[in-house]
Amino acid sequence: MLGSEEIERVGKALRLVERYEDYLFRRAMGVAFIVCGVSFPLTAFMIVNAQAFAELLGTSPAAFIAFVPTITMLASAVIIVYVFMSAHLVYSRMRKGSFWTDFPHMAAMFLIWFLSFYLTRFVPEPYFRVSWLWAGGAASLISYLFMKRQEGHWDYPVLLVIGLMCAASSIPLLLISDAQLSTALSFTVFGACFIAGGVYSLFEASRVLSESEK
């Protein structure tokens, strides 16, 4: 049987592992939020102004959209997948489990975000101007509920906050009669919500790591 001191040491070690896991995923989430907050509005801006960019580069708008925004989104997706894959690999090694046991959860999260933004193409005017806010809000809220139902320490309120902020901010933007202004503000608010969430998540990751070192 383990003595009281050994039990305490084991318990302390488990708490350190849990905190480090929390740090890994908060950091990955922070990076992902910031990438989304920068790349999504940037991509939308390039698509909206494709004609001007195409004339500047001496190509057609269709060719510009097929190349530049696509590369931007692919690069962003690669960065996001990489940071979460890295966190999951470290998590699996620490738990001495298989990486593939968590793969269904990762695939589900990817589908939640992909479908949320893919469905924006079916949103009619005048609601299309805020469709990305709805997509970001819906994906964040669904992810929050999905992760909270999983085993372990997967309660990240920052997802809930971002989701509510995106959804709430879309209402006053729909009341603006100038469609171009409303669209520009929608992209700006989207970026601000996600970047703020990313910075907060990185701050929380640093706090968790500093507590684990005490």
N, C-alpha and C. Protein backbone atom coordinates (compact mmCIF):
# COMPACT_ATOMS: atom_id res chain seq x y z
N MET A 1 0.83 -1.21 0.00
CA MET A 1 0.00 0.00 0.00
C MET A 1 0.87 1.26 0.00
N LEU A 2 0.36 2.28 -0.63
CA LEU A 2 1.08 3.54 -0.68
C LEU A 2 0.89 4.31 0.62
N GLY A 3 1.99 4.91 1.09
CA GLY A 3 1.90 5.74 2.26
C GLY A 3 1.27 7.08 1.94
N SER A 4 0.97 7.85 2.99
CA SER A 4 0.32 9.14 2.78
C SER A 4 1.21 10.09 1.98
N GLU A 5 2.53 10.05 2.22
CA GLU A 5 3.44 10.93 1.48
C GLU A 5 3.49 10.56 0.00
N GLU A 6 3.50 9.26 -0.27
CA GLU A 6 3.53 8.81 -1.66
C GLU A 6 2.24 9.17 -2.39
N ILE A 7 1.12 9.01 -1.70
CA ILE A 7 -0.18 9.38 -2.28
C ILE A 7 -0.21 10.88 -2.59
N GLU A 8 0.34 11.67 -1.69
CA GLU A 8 0.37 13.11 -1.90
C GLU A 8 1.25 13.47 -3.09
N ARG A 9 2.39 12.78 -3.23
CA ARG A 9 3.29 13.04 -4.36
C ARG A 9 2.63 12.65 -5.68
N VAL A 10 1.93 11.51 -5.68
CA VAL A 10 1.23 11.07 -6.88
C VAL A 10 0.13 12.06 -7.25
N GLY A 11 -0.62 12.50 -6.25
CA GLY A 11 -1.68 13.47 -6.50
C GLY A 11 -1.12 14.78 -7.04
N LYS A 12 0.01 15.23 -6.50
CA LYS A 12 0.64 16.46 -6.98
C LYS A 12 1.10 16.31 -8.42
N ALA A 13 1.67 15.12 -8.73
CA ALA A 13 2.13 14.87 -10.10
C ALA A 13 0.97 14.89 -11.08
N LEU A 14 -0.16 14.30 -10.70
CA LEU A 14 -1.33 14.28 -11.57
C LEU A 14 -1.87 15.68 -11.79
N ARG A 15 -1.85 16.50 -10.73
CA ARG A 15 -2.33 17.88 -10.88
C ARG A 15 -1.42 18.67 -11.81
N LEU A 16 -0.11 18.41 -11.73
CA LEU A 16 0.83 19.09 -12.63
C LEU A 16 0.58 18.70 -14.07
N VAL A 17 0.30 17.41 -14.29
CA VAL A 17 0.01 16.94 -15.65
C VAL A 17 -1.25 17.60 -16.19
N GLU A 18 -2.30 17.68 -15.35
CA GLU A 18 -3.55 18.28 -15.77
C GLU A 18 -3.37 19.77 -16.09
N ARG A 19 -2.58 20.45 -15.27
CA ARG A 19 -2.36 21.87 -15.53
C ARG A 19 -1.56 22.08 -16.82
N TYR A 20 -0.60 21.22 -17.06
CA TYR A 20 0.18 21.36 -18.28
C TYR A 20 -0.68 21.06 -19.51
N GLU A 21 -1.57 20.09 -19.39
CA GLU A 21 -2.51 19.81 -20.48
C GLU A 21 -3.39 21.03 -20.73
N ASP A 22 -3.87 21.64 -19.65
CA ASP A 22 -4.70 22.83 -19.77
C ASP A 22 -3.92 23.94 -20.46
N TYR A 23 -2.65 24.09 -20.07
CA TYR A 23 -1.79 25.10 -20.70
C TYR A 23 -1.65 24.85 -22.20
N LEU A 24 -1.39 23.60 -22.60
CA LEU A 24 -1.20 23.27 -24.01
C LEU A 24 -2.40 23.66 -24.86
N PHE A 25 -3.61 23.31 -24.38
CA PHE A 25 -4.80 23.55 -25.19
C PHE A 25 -5.25 25.01 -25.13
N ARG A 26 -5.01 25.70 -24.02
CA ARG A 26 -5.31 27.13 -23.98
C ARG A 26 -4.38 27.89 -24.93
N ARG A 27 -3.12 27.46 -24.97
CA ARG A 27 -2.18 28.11 -25.88
C ARG A 27 -2.56 27.86 -27.34
N ALA A 28 -2.89 26.59 -27.64
CA ALA A 28 -3.30 26.26 -29.01
C ALA A 28 -4.56 27.03 -29.41
N MET A 29 -5.49 27.14 -28.47
CA MET A 29 -6.73 27.85 -28.75
C MET A 29 -6.46 29.34 -28.96
N GLY A 30 -5.56 29.90 -28.16
CA GLY A 30 -5.22 31.30 -28.32
C GLY A 30 -4.61 31.60 -29.68
N VAL A 31 -3.68 30.75 -30.11
CA VAL A 31 -3.07 30.93 -31.43
C VAL A 31 -4.12 30.79 -32.52
N ALA A 32 -5.00 29.79 -32.39
CA ALA A 32 -6.04 29.57 -33.40
C ALA A 32 -6.99 30.76 -33.49
N PHE A 33 -7.38 31.32 -32.35
CA PHE A 33 -8.27 32.49 -32.35
C PHE A 33 -7.62 33.68 -33.06
N ILE A 34 -6.35 33.93 -32.75
CA ILE A 34 -5.67 35.07 -33.36
C ILE A 34 -5.51 34.88 -34.86
N VAL A 35 -5.18 33.65 -35.28
CA VAL A 35 -5.07 33.36 -36.71
C VAL A 35 -6.41 33.59 -37.40
N CYS A 36 -7.50 33.11 -36.79
CA CYS A 36 -8.84 33.33 -37.35
C CYS A 36 -9.17 34.81 -37.41
N GLY A 37 -8.86 35.53 -36.34
CA GLY A 37 -9.18 36.95 -36.27
C GLY A 37 -8.44 37.78 -37.29
N VAL A 38 -7.27 37.31 -37.73
CA VAL A 38 -6.49 38.04 -38.74
C VAL A 38 -6.81 37.55 -40.14
N SER A 39 -6.78 36.23 -40.34
CA SER A 39 -6.88 35.69 -41.70
C SER A 39 -8.28 35.76 -42.29
N PHE A 40 -9.32 35.50 -41.49
CA PHE A 40 -10.67 35.50 -42.03
C PHE A 40 -11.09 36.88 -42.53
N PRO A 41 -10.96 37.95 -41.72
CA PRO A 41 -11.30 39.27 -42.26
C PRO A 41 -10.41 39.68 -43.43
N LEU A 42 -9.11 39.31 -43.37
CA LEU A 42 -8.21 39.64 -44.47
C LEU A 42 -8.65 38.96 -45.76
N THR A 43 -9.02 37.69 -45.65
CA THR A 43 -9.50 36.96 -46.82
C THR A 43 -10.77 37.57 -47.38
N ALA A 44 -11.70 37.90 -46.48
CA ALA A 44 -12.96 38.52 -46.92
C ALA A 44 -12.70 39.86 -47.59
N PHE A 45 -11.78 40.63 -47.03
CA PHE A 45 -11.45 41.93 -47.62
C PHE A 45 -10.89 41.76 -49.03
N MET A 46 -10.03 40.77 -49.22
CA MET A 46 -9.45 40.53 -50.54
C MET A 46 -10.52 40.08 -51.53
N ILE A 47 -11.48 39.29 -51.08
CA ILE A 47 -12.54 38.83 -51.98
C ILE A 47 -13.45 39.98 -52.37
N VAL A 48 -13.83 40.81 -51.40
CA VAL A 48 -14.71 41.94 -51.67
C VAL A 48 -14.06 42.93 -52.63
N ASN A 49 -12.73 43.09 -52.50
CA ASN A 49 -12.01 44.05 -53.34
C ASN A 49 -11.18 43.33 -54.41
N ALA A 50 -11.68 42.19 -54.87
CA ALA A 50 -10.96 41.39 -55.85
C ALA A 50 -10.71 42.15 -57.14
N GLN A 51 -11.68 42.97 -57.55
CA GLN A 51 -11.54 43.71 -58.80
C GLN A 51 -10.35 44.66 -58.74
N ALA A 52 -10.23 45.41 -57.66
CA ALA A 52 -9.13 46.36 -57.52
C ALA A 52 -7.79 45.65 -57.44
N PHE A 53 -7.73 44.57 -56.66
CA PHE A 53 -6.48 43.82 -56.55
C PHE A 53 -6.10 43.18 -57.89
N ALA A 54 -7.10 42.67 -58.63
CA ALA A 54 -6.84 42.03 -59.92
C ALA A 54 -6.27 43.04 -60.91
N GLU A 55 -6.82 44.24 -60.94
CA GLU A 55 -6.32 45.27 -61.84
C GLU A 55 -4.89 45.67 -61.48
N LEU A 56 -4.62 45.71 -60.19
CA LEU A 56 -3.27 46.06 -59.73
C LEU A 56 -2.25 45.01 -60.13
N LEU A 57 -2.66 43.73 -60.09
CA LEU A 57 -1.75 42.63 -60.42
C LEU A 57 -1.81 42.23 -61.88
N GLY A 58 -2.73 42.83 -62.63
CA GLY A 58 -2.84 42.51 -64.04
C GLY A 58 -3.42 41.14 -64.32
N THR A 59 -4.41 40.75 -63.55
CA THR A 59 -5.06 39.46 -63.74
C THR A 59 -6.57 39.63 -63.63
N SER A 60 -7.30 38.56 -63.75
CA SER A 60 -8.75 38.63 -63.63
C SER A 60 -9.17 38.46 -62.17
N PRO A 61 -10.33 39.01 -61.79
CA PRO A 61 -10.81 38.83 -60.41
C PRO A 61 -10.98 37.36 -60.04
N ALA A 62 -11.48 36.54 -60.99
CA ALA A 62 -11.67 35.12 -60.70
C ALA A 62 -10.36 34.43 -60.40
N ALA A 63 -9.32 34.76 -61.19
CA ALA A 63 -8.01 34.17 -60.96
C ALA A 63 -7.42 34.62 -59.63
N PHE A 64 -7.63 35.90 -59.30
CA PHE A 64 -7.14 36.42 -58.03
C PHE A 64 -7.78 35.70 -56.86
N ILE A 65 -9.12 35.56 -56.91
CA ILE A 65 -9.85 34.90 -55.83
C ILE A 65 -9.44 33.43 -55.72
N ALA A 66 -9.21 32.80 -56.86
CA ALA A 66 -8.85 31.38 -56.85
C ALA A 66 -7.46 31.14 -56.28
N PHE A 67 -6.63 32.18 -56.29
CA PHE A 67 -5.24 31.97 -55.85
C PHE A 67 -4.94 32.58 -54.49
N VAL A 68 -5.00 33.92 -54.39
CA VAL A 68 -4.51 34.59 -53.19
C VAL A 68 -5.34 34.28 -51.94
N PRO A 69 -6.67 34.54 -51.92
CA PRO A 69 -7.44 34.21 -50.71
C PRO A 69 -7.40 32.72 -50.36
N THR A 70 -7.35 31.87 -51.38
CA THR A 70 -7.28 30.44 -51.13
C THR A 70 -6.00 30.07 -50.41
N ILE A 71 -4.88 30.64 -50.85
CA ILE A 71 -3.60 30.39 -50.19
C ILE A 71 -3.62 30.89 -48.75
N THR A 72 -4.22 32.06 -48.55
CA THR A 72 -4.31 32.62 -47.20
C THR A 72 -5.09 31.71 -46.26
N MET A 73 -6.23 31.22 -46.73
CA MET A 73 -7.05 30.35 -45.89
C MET A 73 -6.38 29.00 -45.65
N LEU A 74 -5.72 28.47 -46.67
CA LEU A 74 -5.02 27.19 -46.50
C LEU A 74 -3.88 27.33 -45.50
N ALA A 75 -3.14 28.42 -45.60
CA ALA A 75 -2.04 28.65 -44.65
C ALA A 75 -2.57 28.76 -43.23
N SER A 76 -3.68 29.46 -43.07
CA SER A 76 -4.29 29.60 -41.74
C SER A 76 -4.75 28.24 -41.21
N ALA A 77 -5.38 27.45 -42.08
CA ALA A 77 -5.85 26.12 -41.66
C ALA A 77 -4.68 25.24 -41.24
N VAL A 78 -3.58 25.32 -41.98
CA VAL A 78 -2.40 24.51 -41.64
C VAL A 78 -1.85 24.90 -40.27
N ILE A 79 -1.78 26.21 -40.00
CA ILE A 79 -1.28 26.67 -38.70
C ILE A 79 -2.18 26.19 -37.57
N ILE A 80 -3.50 26.31 -37.75
CA ILE A 80 -4.44 25.91 -36.71
C ILE A 80 -4.37 24.41 -36.46
N VAL A 81 -4.36 23.63 -37.54
CA VAL A 81 -4.27 22.18 -37.39
C VAL A 81 -2.97 21.80 -36.71
N TYR A 82 -1.89 22.47 -37.07
CA TYR A 82 -0.58 22.15 -36.50
C TYR A 82 -0.54 22.37 -35.00
N VAL A 83 -1.04 23.53 -34.53
CA VAL A 83 -0.96 23.83 -33.11
C VAL A 83 -1.81 22.86 -32.29
N PHE A 84 -2.98 22.48 -32.82
CA PHE A 84 -3.82 21.54 -32.08
C PHE A 84 -3.27 20.12 -32.16
N MET A 85 -2.73 19.74 -33.31
CA MET A 85 -2.12 18.41 -33.44
C MET A 85 -0.94 18.28 -32.49
N SER A 86 -0.13 19.33 -32.39
CA SER A 86 1.03 19.30 -31.49
C SER A 86 0.58 19.14 -30.05
N ALA A 87 -0.46 19.89 -29.67
CA ALA A 87 -0.96 19.78 -28.31
C ALA A 87 -1.51 18.39 -28.03
N HIS A 88 -2.24 17.83 -29.01
CA HIS A 88 -2.80 16.49 -28.83
C HIS A 88 -1.71 15.43 -28.75
N LEU A 89 -0.65 15.58 -29.52
CA LEU A 89 0.44 14.60 -29.49
C LEU A 89 1.13 14.60 -28.13
N VAL A 90 1.41 15.80 -27.60
CA VAL A 90 2.03 15.89 -26.27
C VAL A 90 1.09 15.33 -25.21
N TYR A 91 -0.20 15.67 -25.34
CA TYR A 91 -1.21 15.17 -24.41
C TYR A 91 -1.25 13.64 -24.42
N SER A 92 -1.22 13.04 -25.62
CA SER A 92 -1.27 11.58 -25.74
C SER A 92 -0.05 10.93 -25.13
N ARG A 93 1.11 11.54 -25.32
CA ARG A 93 2.34 10.98 -24.75
C ARG A 93 2.34 11.07 -23.24
N MET A 94 1.83 12.19 -22.71
CA MET A 94 1.80 12.36 -21.26
C MET A 94 0.83 11.37 -20.63
N ARG A 95 -0.27 11.12 -21.32
CA ARG A 95 -1.25 10.17 -20.80
C ARG A 95 -0.94 8.74 -21.20
N LYS A 96 0.11 8.59 -22.03
CA LYS A 96 0.51 7.27 -22.53
C LYS A 96 -0.64 6.56 -23.22
N GLY A 97 -1.38 7.35 -23.98
CA GLY A 97 -2.49 6.81 -24.75
C GLY A 97 -2.25 6.99 -26.23
N SER A 98 -3.15 6.54 -27.02
CA SER A 98 -3.02 6.64 -28.47
C SER A 98 -3.56 7.98 -28.95
N PHE A 99 -2.83 8.59 -29.85
CA PHE A 99 -3.28 9.85 -30.46
C PHE A 99 -4.61 9.66 -31.17
N TRP A 100 -4.81 8.48 -31.75
CA TRP A 100 -6.00 8.24 -32.57
C TRP A 100 -7.27 8.13 -31.74
N THR A 101 -7.12 7.93 -30.43
CA THR A 101 -8.32 7.88 -29.59
C THR A 101 -8.99 9.25 -29.51
N ASP A 102 -8.21 10.31 -29.67
CA ASP A 102 -8.75 11.67 -29.64
C ASP A 102 -9.08 12.19 -31.03
N PHE A 103 -8.74 11.43 -32.06
CA PHE A 103 -8.95 11.90 -33.42
C PHE A 103 -10.43 12.18 -33.73
N PRO A 104 -11.38 11.33 -33.31
CA PRO A 104 -12.80 11.64 -33.58
C PRO A 104 -13.23 12.99 -33.02
N HIS A 105 -12.72 13.35 -31.83
CA HIS A 105 -13.06 14.65 -31.25
C HIS A 105 -12.50 15.78 -32.10
N MET A 106 -11.26 15.62 -32.57
CA MET A 106 -10.65 16.63 -33.41
C MET A 106 -11.40 16.77 -34.73
N ALA A 107 -11.79 15.63 -35.30
CA ALA A 107 -12.54 15.66 -36.57
C ALA A 107 -13.89 16.34 -36.38
N ALA A 108 -14.54 16.07 -35.24
CA ALA A 108 -15.83 16.70 -34.96
C ALA A 108 -15.69 18.21 -34.84
N MET A 109 -14.63 18.67 -34.16
CA MET A 109 -14.40 20.10 -34.03
C MET A 109 -14.15 20.74 -35.39
N PHE A 110 -13.38 20.06 -36.22
CA PHE A 110 -13.10 20.58 -37.56
C PHE A 110 -14.40 20.71 -38.35
N LEU A 111 -15.26 19.72 -38.28
CA LEU A 111 -16.52 19.75 -39.01
C LEU A 111 -17.42 20.87 -38.51
N ILE A 112 -17.43 21.10 -37.20
CA ILE A 112 -18.25 22.17 -36.63
C ILE A 112 -17.86 23.51 -37.25
N TRP A 113 -16.56 23.80 -37.29
CA TRP A 113 -16.10 25.08 -37.81
C TRP A 113 -16.22 25.14 -39.33
N PHE A 114 -15.90 24.06 -40.01
CA PHE A 114 -15.98 24.07 -41.47
C PHE A 114 -17.42 24.28 -41.94
N LEU A 115 -18.35 23.52 -41.36
CA LEU A 115 -19.74 23.63 -41.79
C LEU A 115 -20.35 24.99 -41.43
N SER A 116 -19.95 25.53 -40.28
CA SER A 116 -20.48 26.84 -39.88
C SER A 116 -20.15 27.91 -40.90
N PHE A 117 -18.92 27.90 -41.39
CA PHE A 117 -18.52 28.92 -42.37
C PHE A 117 -18.94 28.54 -43.78
N TYR A 118 -19.00 27.26 -44.07
CA TYR A 118 -19.43 26.84 -45.41
C TYR A 118 -20.88 27.23 -45.66
N LEU A 119 -21.70 27.15 -44.63
CA LEU A 119 -23.13 27.45 -44.79
C LEU A 119 -23.40 28.94 -45.00
N THR A 120 -22.39 29.79 -44.78
CA THR A 120 -22.61 31.22 -45.00
C THR A 120 -22.89 31.53 -46.47
N ARG A 121 -22.45 30.66 -47.36
CA ARG A 121 -22.68 30.91 -48.79
C ARG A 121 -24.16 30.84 -49.16
N PHE A 122 -24.97 30.27 -48.28
CA PHE A 122 -26.40 30.14 -48.56
C PHE A 122 -27.23 31.21 -47.84
N VAL A 123 -26.56 32.10 -47.12
CA VAL A 123 -27.28 33.16 -46.41
C VAL A 123 -27.66 34.26 -47.39
N PRO A 124 -28.93 34.62 -47.48
CA PRO A 124 -29.36 35.66 -48.45
C PRO A 124 -29.07 37.06 -47.94
N GLU A 125 -29.09 38.01 -48.87
CA GLU A 125 -29.02 39.42 -48.48
C GLU A 125 -30.35 39.80 -47.83
N PRO A 126 -30.37 40.75 -46.90
CA PRO A 126 -29.25 41.57 -46.43
C PRO A 126 -28.48 40.96 -45.28
N TYR A 127 -28.73 39.68 -44.99
CA TYR A 127 -28.10 39.05 -43.83
C TYR A 127 -26.69 38.54 -44.10
N PHE A 128 -26.34 38.46 -45.38
CA PHE A 128 -25.03 37.92 -45.72
C PHE A 128 -23.90 38.76 -45.13
N ARG A 129 -24.14 40.05 -44.98
CA ARG A 129 -23.10 40.96 -44.50
C ARG A 129 -22.63 40.60 -43.08
N VAL A 130 -23.49 39.94 -42.30
CA VAL A 130 -23.11 39.55 -40.93
C VAL A 130 -23.00 38.02 -40.81
N SER A 131 -22.99 37.34 -41.93
CA SER A 131 -23.01 35.88 -41.90
C SER A 131 -21.76 35.30 -41.24
N TRP A 132 -20.62 35.98 -41.39
CA TRP A 132 -19.41 35.47 -40.76
C TRP A 132 -19.46 35.62 -39.25
N LEU A 133 -20.10 36.66 -38.79
CA LEU A 133 -20.29 36.80 -37.34
C LEU A 133 -21.18 35.69 -36.82
N TRP A 134 -22.23 35.36 -37.57
CA TRP A 134 -23.09 34.25 -37.17
C TRP A 134 -22.33 32.94 -37.19
N ALA A 135 -21.52 32.74 -38.22
CA ALA A 135 -20.76 31.50 -38.33
C ALA A 135 -19.76 31.37 -37.18
N GLY A 136 -19.03 32.45 -36.92
CA GLY A 136 -18.06 32.42 -35.83
C GLY A 136 -18.73 32.24 -34.48
N GLY A 137 -19.88 32.91 -34.30
CA GLY A 137 -20.62 32.76 -33.06
C GLY A 137 -21.16 31.36 -32.87
N ALA A 138 -21.77 30.82 -33.93
CA ALA A 138 -22.33 29.47 -33.85
C ALA A 138 -21.25 28.43 -33.60
N ALA A 139 -20.13 28.54 -34.34
CA ALA A 139 -19.04 27.57 -34.17
C ALA A 139 -18.47 27.63 -32.76
N SER A 140 -18.32 28.83 -32.22
CA SER A 140 -17.78 28.98 -30.87
C SER A 140 -18.72 28.40 -29.82
N LEU A 141 -20.02 28.71 -29.95
CA LEU A 141 -21.00 28.21 -28.97
C LEU A 141 -21.13 26.69 -29.03
N ILE A 142 -21.20 26.14 -30.24
CA ILE A 142 -21.31 24.68 -30.39
C ILE A 142 -20.06 24.00 -29.87
N SER A 143 -18.89 24.59 -30.15
CA SER A 143 -17.63 24.02 -29.65
C SER A 143 -17.58 24.04 -28.14
N TYR A 144 -18.06 25.13 -27.55
CA TYR A 144 -18.08 25.23 -26.09
C TYR A 144 -18.94 24.11 -25.48
N LEU A 145 -20.13 23.92 -26.04
CA LEU A 145 -21.02 22.88 -25.52
C LEU A 145 -20.45 21.49 -25.77
N PHE A 146 -19.87 21.30 -26.94
CA PHE A 146 -19.30 19.99 -27.30
C PHE A 146 -18.14 19.64 -26.37
N MET A 147 -17.23 20.59 -26.15
CA MET A 147 -16.05 20.32 -25.32
C MET A 147 -16.43 20.15 -23.86
N LYS A 148 -17.44 20.86 -23.41
CA LYS A 148 -17.85 20.76 -22.01
C LYS A 148 -18.41 19.39 -21.69
N ARG A 149 -18.95 18.70 -22.71
CA ARG A 149 -19.53 17.38 -22.50
C ARG A 149 -18.48 16.27 -22.51
N GLN A 150 -17.24 16.60 -22.91
CA GLN A 150 -16.19 15.60 -22.98
C GLN A 150 -15.60 15.36 -21.59
N GLU A 151 -14.99 14.22 -21.44
CA GLU A 151 -14.32 13.90 -20.18
C GLU A 151 -13.05 14.73 -20.05
N GLY A 152 -12.72 15.08 -18.83
CA GLY A 152 -11.51 15.87 -18.61
C GLY A 152 -11.83 17.33 -18.38
N HIS A 153 -10.77 18.14 -18.43
CA HIS A 153 -10.90 19.57 -18.13
C HIS A 153 -11.02 20.34 -19.44
N TRP A 154 -12.20 20.32 -20.02
CA TRP A 154 -12.40 20.96 -21.32
C TRP A 154 -13.43 22.07 -21.26
N ASP A 155 -13.50 22.75 -20.14
CA ASP A 155 -14.44 23.85 -19.98
C ASP A 155 -13.71 25.16 -20.28
N TYR A 156 -13.99 25.73 -21.46
CA TYR A 156 -13.32 26.96 -21.87
C TYR A 156 -14.37 28.05 -22.11
N PRO A 157 -14.68 28.84 -21.09
CA PRO A 157 -15.71 29.88 -21.21
C PRO A 157 -15.41 30.92 -22.27
N VAL A 158 -14.13 31.06 -22.67
CA VAL A 158 -13.80 32.05 -23.69
C VAL A 158 -14.55 31.77 -24.99
N LEU A 159 -14.80 30.49 -25.28
CA LEU A 159 -15.59 30.14 -26.46
C LEU A 159 -17.02 30.66 -26.34
N LEU A 160 -17.59 30.54 -25.15
CA LEU A 160 -18.94 31.03 -24.90
C LEU A 160 -18.99 32.55 -25.06
N VAL A 161 -18.00 33.23 -24.52
CA VAL A 161 -17.96 34.70 -24.60
C VAL A 161 -17.83 35.16 -26.04
N ILE A 162 -16.92 34.55 -26.81
CA ILE A 162 -16.74 34.93 -28.21
C ILE A 162 -18.03 34.68 -29.00
N GLY A 163 -18.65 33.53 -28.75
CA GLY A 163 -19.88 33.20 -29.45
C GLY A 163 -20.97 34.22 -29.19
N LEU A 164 -21.15 34.60 -27.94
CA LEU A 164 -22.19 35.58 -27.59
C LEU A 164 -21.87 36.97 -28.14
N MET A 165 -20.59 37.33 -28.11
CA MET A 165 -20.19 38.64 -28.63
C MET A 165 -20.45 38.74 -30.13
N CYS A 166 -20.10 37.68 -30.86
CA CYS A 166 -20.32 37.68 -32.31
C CYS A 166 -21.80 37.76 -32.64
N ALA A 167 -22.60 36.96 -31.93
CA ALA A 167 -24.04 36.94 -32.20
C ALA A 167 -24.68 38.28 -31.84
N ALA A 168 -24.33 38.84 -30.69
CA ALA A 168 -24.95 40.09 -30.24
C ALA A 168 -24.55 41.27 -31.12
N SER A 169 -23.30 41.31 -31.55
CA SER A 169 -22.83 42.45 -32.34
C SER A 169 -23.42 42.47 -33.75
N SER A 170 -23.95 41.33 -34.21
CA SER A 170 -24.53 41.30 -35.56
C SER A 170 -25.85 42.07 -35.63
N ILE A 171 -26.55 42.20 -34.50
CA ILE A 171 -27.87 42.84 -34.49
C ILE A 171 -27.79 44.32 -34.86
N PRO A 172 -26.95 45.13 -34.18
CA PRO A 172 -26.90 46.55 -34.58
C PRO A 172 -26.33 46.75 -35.98
N LEU A 173 -25.47 45.83 -36.44
CA LEU A 173 -24.89 45.98 -37.77
C LEU A 173 -25.94 45.80 -38.86
N LEU A 174 -26.96 45.00 -38.59
CA LEU A 174 -28.04 44.81 -39.56
C LEU A 174 -28.90 46.06 -39.70
N LEU A 175 -28.87 46.93 -38.69
CA LEU A 175 -29.67 48.14 -38.73
C LEU A 175 -29.02 49.27 -39.54
N ILE A 176 -27.75 49.06 -39.92
CA ILE A 176 -27.05 50.07 -40.71
C ILE A 176 -27.48 49.95 -42.16
N SER A 177 -27.94 51.03 -42.74
CA SER A 177 -28.47 50.99 -44.11
C SER A 177 -27.37 50.87 -45.16
N ASP A 178 -26.20 51.41 -44.87
CA ASP A 178 -25.08 51.35 -45.82
C ASP A 178 -24.49 49.94 -45.79
N ALA A 179 -24.70 49.16 -46.85
CA ALA A 179 -24.26 47.77 -46.88
C ALA A 179 -22.75 47.64 -46.81
N GLN A 180 -22.03 48.52 -47.51
CA GLN A 180 -20.57 48.44 -47.51
C GLN A 180 -20.00 48.74 -46.13
N LEU A 181 -20.54 49.75 -45.47
CA LEU A 181 -20.09 50.08 -44.12
C LEU A 181 -20.40 48.96 -43.15
N SER A 182 -21.61 48.41 -43.27
CA SER A 182 -22.01 47.31 -42.40
C SER A 182 -21.11 46.09 -42.59
N THR A 183 -20.76 45.80 -43.84
CA THR A 183 -19.89 44.66 -44.13
C THR A 183 -18.50 44.88 -43.56
N ALA A 184 -17.96 46.08 -43.76
CA ALA A 184 -16.63 46.40 -43.24
C ALA A 184 -16.60 46.31 -41.72
N LEU A 185 -17.63 46.84 -41.07
CA LEU A 185 -17.70 46.77 -39.60
C LEU A 185 -17.86 45.33 -39.13
N SER A 186 -18.58 44.52 -39.90
CA SER A 186 -18.77 43.12 -39.54
C SER A 186 -17.43 42.39 -39.50
N PHE A 187 -16.61 42.60 -40.53
CA PHE A 187 -15.29 41.96 -40.57
C PHE A 187 -14.40 42.48 -39.44
N THR A 188 -14.51 43.79 -39.17
CA THR A 188 -13.69 44.39 -38.11
C THR A 188 -14.06 43.83 -36.74
N VAL A 189 -15.37 43.75 -36.48
CA VAL A 189 -15.84 43.21 -35.20
C VAL A 189 -15.46 41.74 -35.06
N PHE A 190 -15.60 40.99 -36.15
CA PHE A 190 -15.21 39.58 -36.14
C PHE A 190 -13.75 39.43 -35.73
N GLY A 191 -12.88 40.20 -36.39
CA GLY A 191 -11.46 40.13 -36.07
C GLY A 191 -11.18 40.53 -34.63
N ALA A 192 -11.83 41.60 -34.17
CA ALA A 192 -11.61 42.09 -32.81
C ALA A 192 -12.03 41.05 -31.77
N CYS A 193 -13.18 40.41 -31.99
CA CYS A 193 -13.67 39.40 -31.04
C CYS A 193 -12.70 38.22 -30.93
N PHE A 194 -12.24 37.74 -32.07
CA PHE A 194 -11.38 36.56 -32.05
C PHE A 194 -9.96 36.88 -31.58
N ILE A 195 -9.45 38.04 -31.97
CA ILE A 195 -8.11 38.40 -31.49
C ILE A 195 -8.12 38.63 -29.99
N ALA A 196 -9.16 39.31 -29.49
CA ALA A 196 -9.28 39.53 -28.05
C ALA A 196 -9.39 38.19 -27.31
N GLY A 197 -10.19 37.27 -27.86
CA GLY A 197 -10.30 35.94 -27.26
C GLY A 197 -8.99 35.20 -27.29
N GLY A 198 -8.23 35.35 -28.38
CA GLY A 198 -6.93 34.69 -28.48
C GLY A 198 -5.93 35.22 -27.48
N VAL A 199 -5.88 36.54 -27.33
CA VAL A 199 -4.96 37.14 -26.36
C VAL A 199 -5.31 36.71 -24.94
N TYR A 200 -6.62 36.69 -24.65
CA TYR A 200 -7.05 36.26 -23.32
C TYR A 200 -6.69 34.80 -23.07
N SER A 201 -6.87 33.95 -24.08
CA SER A 201 -6.55 32.53 -23.93
C SER A 201 -5.05 32.32 -23.72
N LEU A 202 -4.22 33.08 -24.42
CA LEU A 202 -2.77 32.99 -24.22
C LEU A 202 -2.38 33.47 -22.82
N PHE A 203 -3.05 34.52 -22.35
CA PHE A 203 -2.80 35.01 -21.00
C PHE A 203 -3.17 33.95 -19.96
N GLU A 204 -4.32 33.30 -20.17
CA GLU A 204 -4.74 32.24 -19.26
C GLU A 204 -3.79 31.06 -19.31
N ALA A 205 -3.26 30.75 -20.50
CA ALA A 205 -2.30 29.65 -20.62
C ALA A 205 -1.04 29.96 -19.81
N SER A 206 -0.56 31.19 -19.89
CA SER A 206 0.62 31.59 -19.11
C SER A 206 0.34 31.52 -17.61
N ARG A 207 -0.86 31.93 -17.22
CA ARG A 207 -1.22 31.87 -15.80
C ARG A 207 -1.25 30.44 -15.29
N VAL A 208 -1.85 29.54 -16.08
CA VAL A 208 -1.93 28.13 -15.70
C VAL A 208 -0.53 27.54 -15.57
N LEU A 209 0.36 27.88 -16.53
CA LEU A 209 1.72 27.35 -16.49
C LEU A 209 2.49 27.87 -15.29
N SER A 210 2.32 29.14 -14.96
CA SER A 210 3.03 29.71 -13.81
C SER A 210 2.54 29.09 -12.51
N GLU A 211 1.24 28.75 -12.43
CA GLU A 211 0.70 28.10 -11.24
C GLU A 211 1.25 26.69 -11.10
N SER A 212 1.45 26.00 -12.23
CA SER A 212 1.96 24.63 -12.19
C SER A 212 3.41 24.57 -11.74
N GLU A 213 4.14 25.70 -11.88
CA GLU A 213 5.54 25.72 -11.50
C GLU A 213 5.75 26.08 -10.03
N LYS A 214 4.66 26.45 -9.36
CA LYS A 214 4.77 26.81 -7.93
C LYS A 214 4.90 25.56 -7.07
